[in-house]
C-alpha cells in the first residue's frame, strides 16, 4: 500500500526520470514485487514464473497494474546484497525494457520454499520451485546481471558508494531525458 500511495503522489510531479535503489535489499514478498512491477510492465506482461521440478504446475505471475511509469526513463540499482523479490523486480523491469539495471550482479536467491511439518512437531524447509525472469533466465545462483556495471570501492565506504552510484544513475538518466 505504501508504494501505491507514493506512486500516486509521484505521478503528480511529472517526473522526467526515476531511480529505484534495490541495493542491499534482501527481498520480501513475491506479491509486492509483482504489484510494484505492474507500475512499469505492460498489463498482462510476465513478471516472474515459478518453475516446479515436474514443470506441470508452473505458475506465471503477470502485471495487473496501470504501467504508468513504463515510459519514464528509469534506472534500477542492484548489488550483491539484492536478493529474492528485489531480483524479481529488477529482472522484470530489465527484461520488459522498462528500466536500465545498473550496479553489480545480484545475489542469486531465486527459490521457493515450503515448510513441511514432521511427526515430532518439528519442521523441515524444502525447495519446491525456482523463479525465472520473463525471458526464462533462472535467478537462483545466477542473479541479475546489470546492463551497466558499477564497481564498489575496495575500502567499502558505503556512503561514498551510495553517492557515486546515485550520481552515475542520474548522469545516465540525463542522457535519456
C-alpha atoms as a PDB file:
ATOM      1  CA  UNK A   1       0.000   0.000   0.000  1.00  0.00           C
ATOM      2  CA  UNK A   2       2.887   2.352   0.746  1.00  0.00           C
ATOM      3  CA  UNK A   3       4.238   2.055  -2.816  1.00  0.00           C
ATOM      4  CA  UNK A   4       0.749   2.663  -4.199  1.00  0.00           C
ATOM      5  CA  UNK A   5       0.303   5.845  -2.146  1.00  0.00           C
ATOM      6  CA  UNK A   6       3.783   7.104  -3.009  1.00  0.00           C
ATOM      7  CA  UNK A   7       3.197   6.352  -6.699  1.00  0.00           C
ATOM      8  CA  UNK A   8       0.011   8.399  -6.775  1.00  0.00           C
ATOM      9  CA  UNK A   9       1.920  11.332  -5.310  1.00  0.00           C
ATOM     10  CA  UNK A  10       4.845  10.872  -7.721  1.00  0.00           C
ATOM     11  CA  UNK A  11       2.534  10.861 -10.753  1.00  0.00           C
ATOM     12  CA  UNK A  12       1.530  14.439  -9.947  1.00  0.00           C
ATOM     13  CA  UNK A  13       5.189  15.559 -10.102  1.00  0.00           C
ATOM     14  CA  UNK A  14       5.510  14.981 -13.874  1.00  0.00           C
ATOM     15  CA  UNK A  15       8.738  13.028 -13.460  1.00  0.00           C
ATOM     16  CA  UNK A  16      11.395  13.067 -16.135  1.00  0.00           C
ATOM     17  CA  UNK A  17      13.298  10.103 -14.704  1.00  0.00           C
ATOM     18  CA  UNK A  18      13.337   7.713 -11.754  1.00  0.00           C
ATOM     19  CA  UNK A  19      15.948   5.792  -9.747  1.00  0.00           C
ATOM     20  CA  UNK A  20      14.862   2.683  -7.832  1.00  0.00           C
ATOM     21  CA  UNK A  21      17.538   1.700  -5.331  1.00  0.00           C
ATOM     22  CA  UNK A  22      17.367  -2.022  -4.518  1.00  0.00           C
ATOM     23  CA  UNK A  23      20.932  -2.306  -3.228  1.00  0.00           C
ATOM     24  CA  UNK A  24      21.229  -4.467  -0.123  1.00  0.00           C
ATOM     25  CA  UNK A  25      17.523  -5.268  -0.327  1.00  0.00           C
ATOM     26  CA  UNK A  26      17.249  -8.906   0.795  1.00  0.00           C
ATOM     27  CA  UNK A  27      13.806  -9.287  -0.747  1.00  0.00           C
ATOM     28  CA  UNK A  28      10.336  -9.587   0.651  1.00  0.00           C
ATOM     29  CA  UNK A  29       7.008 -10.779  -0.617  1.00  0.00           C
ATOM     30  CA  UNK A  30       6.542 -12.065  -4.144  1.00  0.00           C
ATOM     31  CA  UNK A  31       3.159 -10.339  -4.312  1.00  0.00           C
ATOM     32  CA  UNK A  32       4.742  -6.963  -3.500  1.00  0.00           C
ATOM     33  CA  UNK A  33       7.357  -7.364  -6.256  1.00  0.00           C
ATOM     34  CA  UNK A  34       4.648  -8.305  -8.772  1.00  0.00           C
ATOM     35  CA  UNK A  35       2.467  -5.356  -7.717  1.00  0.00           C
ATOM     36  CA  UNK A  36       5.322  -2.854  -7.984  1.00  0.00           C
ATOM     37  CA  UNK A  37       6.337  -4.274 -11.370  1.00  0.00           C
ATOM     38  CA  UNK A  38       2.778  -3.590 -12.517  1.00  0.00           C
ATOM     39  CA  UNK A  39       3.503   0.132 -12.457  1.00  0.00           C
ATOM     40  CA  UNK A  40       6.234  -0.413 -15.093  1.00  0.00           C
ATOM     41  CA  UNK A  41       5.387  -3.566 -17.059  1.00  0.00           C
ATOM     42  CA  UNK A  42       2.545  -3.589 -19.599  1.00  0.00           C
ATOM     43  CA  UNK A  43      -0.662  -5.113 -18.253  1.00  0.00           C
ATOM     44  CA  UNK A  44      -0.538  -8.857 -18.895  1.00  0.00           C
ATOM     45  CA  UNK A  45       3.251  -8.853 -19.271  1.00  0.00           C
ATOM     46  CA  UNK A  46       5.137 -11.612 -17.463  1.00  0.00           C
ATOM     47  CA  UNK A  47       6.824 -10.525 -14.235  1.00  0.00           C
ATOM     48  CA  UNK A  48       8.103 -13.906 -12.995  1.00  0.00           C
ATOM     49  CA  UNK A  49       7.450 -17.624 -13.399  1.00  0.00           C
ATOM     50  CA  UNK A  50       7.601 -20.168 -10.588  1.00  0.00           C
ATOM     51  CA  UNK A  51       9.029 -23.295 -12.191  1.00  0.00           C
ATOM     52  CA  UNK A  52       8.413 -26.530 -10.312  1.00  0.00           C
ATOM     53  CA  UNK A  53      10.525 -29.656 -10.692  1.00  0.00           C
ATOM     54  CA  UNK A  54       7.965 -31.526 -12.791  1.00  0.00           C
ATOM     55  CA  UNK A  55       7.195 -28.370 -14.816  1.00  0.00           C
ATOM     56  CA  UNK A  56       3.487 -29.314 -14.950  1.00  0.00           C
ATOM     57  CA  UNK A  57       2.343 -26.899 -12.285  1.00  0.00           C
ATOM     58  CA  UNK A  58       4.381 -23.823 -13.206  1.00  0.00           C
ATOM     59  CA  UNK A  59       2.759 -20.544 -12.215  1.00  0.00           C
ATOM     60  CA  UNK A  60       3.180 -17.382 -14.279  1.00  0.00           C
ATOM     61  CA  UNK A  61       2.715 -14.064 -12.481  1.00  0.00           C
ATOM     62  CA  UNK A  62       1.718 -11.216 -14.790  1.00  0.00           C
ATOM     63  CA  UNK A  63       1.367  -7.464 -14.449  1.00  0.00           C
ATOM     64  CA  UNK A  64      -2.056  -6.298 -13.389  1.00  0.00           C
ATOM     65  CA  UNK A  65      -1.054  -2.714 -12.710  1.00  0.00           C
ATOM     66  CA  UNK A  66      -1.511   0.524 -14.595  1.00  0.00           C
ATOM     67  CA  UNK A  67       2.045   0.574 -16.109  1.00  0.00           C
ATOM     68  CA  UNK A  68       2.024   4.373 -15.833  1.00  0.00           C
ATOM     69  CA  UNK A  69       5.799   4.523 -15.270  1.00  0.00           C
ATOM     70  CA  UNK A  70       6.732   2.433 -18.337  1.00  0.00           C
ATOM     71  CA  UNK A  71       7.609   5.457 -20.478  1.00  0.00           C
ATOM     72  CA  UNK A  72       9.565   7.261 -17.738  1.00  0.00           C
ATOM     73  CA  UNK A  73      13.319   6.648 -18.049  1.00  0.00           C
ATOM     74  CA  UNK A  74      14.160   4.506 -15.024  1.00  0.00           C
ATOM     75  CA  UNK A  75      17.337   3.110 -13.501  1.00  0.00           C
ATOM     76  CA  UNK A  76      17.285   0.212 -11.033  1.00  0.00           C
ATOM     77  CA  UNK A  77      20.362  -0.035  -8.813  1.00  0.00           C
ATOM     78  CA  UNK A  78      21.350  -3.520  -7.591  1.00  0.00           C
ATOM     79  CA  UNK A  79      24.342  -5.091  -5.892  1.00  0.00           C
ATOM     80  CA  UNK A  80      25.365  -8.432  -4.421  1.00  0.00           C
ATOM     81  CA  UNK A  81      23.073  -7.698  -1.457  1.00  0.00           C
ATOM     82  CA  UNK A  82      19.991  -7.526  -3.708  1.00  0.00           C
ATOM     83  CA  UNK A  83      18.151 -10.836  -3.399  1.00  0.00           C
ATOM     84  CA  UNK A  84      14.883 -12.673  -3.825  1.00  0.00           C
ATOM     85  CA  UNK A  85      11.917 -10.347  -4.501  1.00  0.00           C
ATOM     86  CA  UNK A  86      14.226  -7.429  -5.315  1.00  0.00           C
ATOM     87  CA  UNK A  87      15.783  -9.617  -8.031  1.00  0.00           C
ATOM     88  CA  UNK A  88      12.320 -10.448  -9.362  1.00  0.00           C
ATOM     89  CA  UNK A  89      11.547  -6.733  -9.668  1.00  0.00           C
ATOM     90  CA  UNK A  90      14.916  -5.864 -11.231  1.00  0.00           C
ATOM     91  CA  UNK A  91      14.668  -8.762 -13.697  1.00  0.00           C
ATOM     92  CA  UNK A  92      11.109  -7.911 -14.708  1.00  0.00           C
ATOM     93  CA  UNK A  93      11.885  -4.240 -15.317  1.00  0.00           C
ATOM     94  CA  UNK A  94      15.090  -5.065 -17.191  1.00  0.00           C
ATOM     95  CA  UNK A  95      13.583  -7.700 -19.469  1.00  0.00           C
ATOM     96  CA  UNK A  96      10.428  -5.709 -20.215  1.00  0.00           C
ATOM     97  CA  UNK A  97      12.618  -2.774 -21.290  1.00  0.00           C
ATOM     98  CA  UNK A  98      11.017  -0.681 -18.554  1.00  0.00           C
ATOM     99  CA  UNK A  99      14.330   0.170 -16.866  1.00  0.00           C
ATOM    100  CA  UNK A 100      18.084   0.034 -17.170  1.00  0.00           C
ATOM    101  CA  UNK A 101      19.697  -2.000 -14.394  1.00  0.00           C
ATOM    102  CA  UNK A 102      22.964  -0.591 -13.062  1.00  0.00           C
ATOM    103  CA  UNK A 103      25.367  -1.830 -10.380  1.00  0.00           C
ATOM    104  CA  UNK A 104      26.751  -5.263  -9.543  1.00  0.00           C
ATOM    105  CA  UNK A 105      25.403  -8.729 -10.225  1.00  0.00           C
ATOM    106  CA  UNK A 106      22.752  -9.544  -7.626  1.00  0.00           C
ATOM    107  CA  UNK A 107      22.876 -12.317  -5.023  1.00  0.00           C
ATOM    108  CA  UNK A 108      21.015 -15.062  -6.902  1.00  0.00           C
ATOM    109  CA  UNK A 109      18.341 -16.172  -4.416  1.00  0.00           C
ATOM    110  CA  UNK A 110      15.547 -17.428  -6.603  1.00  0.00           C
ATOM    111  CA  UNK A 111      13.953 -20.371  -4.845  1.00  0.00           C
ATOM    112  CA  UNK A 112      10.522 -21.078  -3.391  1.00  0.00           C
ATOM    113  CA  UNK A 113      10.481 -22.994  -0.109  1.00  0.00           C
ATOM    114  CA  UNK A 114       7.733 -24.780   1.755  1.00  0.00           C
ATOM    115  CA  UNK A 115       7.627 -25.791   5.420  1.00  0.00           C
ATOM    116  CA  UNK A 116       6.721 -29.455   5.920  1.00  0.00           C
ATOM    117  CA  UNK A 117       5.582 -30.484   9.416  1.00  0.00           C
ATOM    118  CA  UNK A 118       7.121 -33.674  10.800  1.00  0.00           C
ATOM    119  CA  UNK A 119       5.583 -36.167  13.227  1.00  0.00           C
ATOM    120  CA  UNK A 120       7.776 -34.944  16.117  1.00  0.00           C
ATOM    121  CA  UNK A 121       6.332 -31.388  15.766  1.00  0.00           C
ATOM    122  CA  UNK A 122       9.469 -30.118  14.085  1.00  0.00           C
ATOM    123  CA  UNK A 123       9.511 -28.812  10.537  1.00  0.00           C
ATOM    124  CA  UNK A 124      11.748 -29.035   7.520  1.00  0.00           C
ATOM    125  CA  UNK A 125      12.008 -26.401   4.828  1.00  0.00           C
ATOM    126  CA  UNK A 126      12.398 -27.760   1.312  1.00  0.00           C
ATOM    127  CA  UNK A 127      12.816 -26.060  -2.015  1.00  0.00           C
ATOM    128  CA  UNK A 128       9.825 -26.765  -4.240  1.00  0.00           C
ATOM    129  CA  UNK A 129      10.405 -24.384  -7.162  1.00  0.00           C
ATOM    130  CA  UNK A 130      12.638 -21.674  -8.530  1.00  0.00           C
ATOM    131  CA  UNK A 131      11.978 -18.325 -10.181  1.00  0.00           C
ATOM    132  CA  UNK A 132      12.513 -17.486 -13.815  1.00  0.00           C
ATOM    133  CA  UNK A 133      12.676 -13.985 -15.262  1.00  0.00           C
ATOM    134  CA  UNK A 134      10.215 -13.012 -18.026  1.00  0.00           C
ATOM    135  CA  UNK A 135      12.689 -14.271 -20.641  1.00  0.00           C
ATOM    136  CA  UNK A 136      13.188 -17.575 -18.803  1.00  0.00           C
ATOM    137  CA  UNK A 137      16.508 -16.934 -17.048  1.00  0.00           C
ATOM    138  CA  UNK A 138      16.898 -18.734 -13.735  1.00  0.00           C
ATOM    139  CA  UNK A 139      17.531 -16.269 -10.907  1.00  0.00           C
ATOM    140  CA  UNK A 140      18.781 -18.839  -8.391  1.00  0.00           C
ATOM    141  CA  UNK A 141      22.587 -18.971  -8.237  1.00  0.00           C
ATOM    142  CA  UNK A 142      22.772 -16.733 -11.333  1.00  0.00           C
ATOM    143  CA  UNK A 143      21.394 -13.442 -10.071  1.00  0.00           C
ATOM    144  CA  UNK A 144      20.530 -10.493 -12.274  1.00  0.00           C
ATOM    145  CA  UNK A 145      23.347  -9.091 -14.385  1.00  0.00           C
ATOM    146  CA  UNK A 146      23.228  -5.306 -14.685  1.00  0.00           C
ATOM    147  CA  UNK A 147      23.026  -3.592 -18.064  1.00  0.00           C
ATOM    148  CA  UNK A 148      25.657  -1.137 -16.823  1.00  0.00           C
ATOM    149  CA  UNK A 149      28.222  -2.387 -14.324  1.00  0.00           C
ATOM    150  CA  UNK A 150      29.296  -0.131 -11.454  1.00  0.00           C
ATOM    151  CA  UNK A 151      32.117  -1.113  -9.117  1.00  0.00           C
ATOM    152  CA  UNK A 152      32.117  -0.782  -5.343  1.00  0.00           C
ATOM    153  CA  UNK A 153      35.156   0.825  -3.805  1.00  0.00           C
ATOM    154  CA  UNK A 154      37.620  -1.595  -2.234  1.00  0.00           C
ATOM    155  CA  UNK A 155      37.626   0.272   1.072  1.00  0.00           C
ATOM    156  CA  UNK A 156      33.869  -0.306   1.379  1.00  0.00           C
ATOM    157  CA  UNK A 157      32.978   3.316   2.059  1.00  0.00           C
ATOM    158  CA  UNK A 158      29.226   2.717   1.832  1.00  0.00           C
ATOM    159  CA  UNK A 159      28.219   6.379   1.920  1.00  0.00           C
ATOM    160  CA  UNK A 160      30.685   7.269  -0.829  1.00  0.00           C
ATOM    161  CA  UNK A 161      29.446   4.360  -2.971  1.00  0.00           C
ATOM    162  CA  UNK A 162      25.834   5.386  -2.339  1.00  0.00           C
ATOM    163  CA  UNK A 163      26.515   8.871  -3.599  1.00  0.00           C
ATOM    164  CA  UNK A 164      28.664   7.759  -6.540  1.00  0.00           C
ATOM    165  CA  UNK A 165      26.138   5.203  -7.758  1.00  0.00           C
ATOM    166  CA  UNK A 166      23.244   7.656  -7.429  1.00  0.00           C
ATOM    167  CA  UNK A 167      25.304  10.239  -9.339  1.00  0.00           C
ATOM    168  CA  UNK A 168      26.100   7.688 -12.064  1.00  0.00           C
ATOM    169  CA  UNK A 169      22.425   6.754 -12.338  1.00  0.00           C
ATOM    170  CA  UNK A 170      21.413  10.427 -12.548  1.00  0.00           C
ATOM    171  CA  UNK A 171      24.078  11.067 -15.178  1.00  0.00           C
ATOM    172  CA  UNK A 172      22.813   8.104 -17.206  1.00  0.00           C
ATOM    173  CA  UNK A 173      19.211   9.297 -16.915  1.00  0.00           C
ATOM    174  CA  UNK A 174      20.179  12.779 -18.107  1.00  0.00           C
ATOM    175  CA  UNK A 175      21.124  11.229 -21.461  1.00  0.00           C
ATOM    176  CA  UNK A 176      17.648   9.658 -21.754  1.00  0.00           C
ATOM    177  CA  UNK A 177      15.580  12.746 -20.945  1.00  0.00           C
END
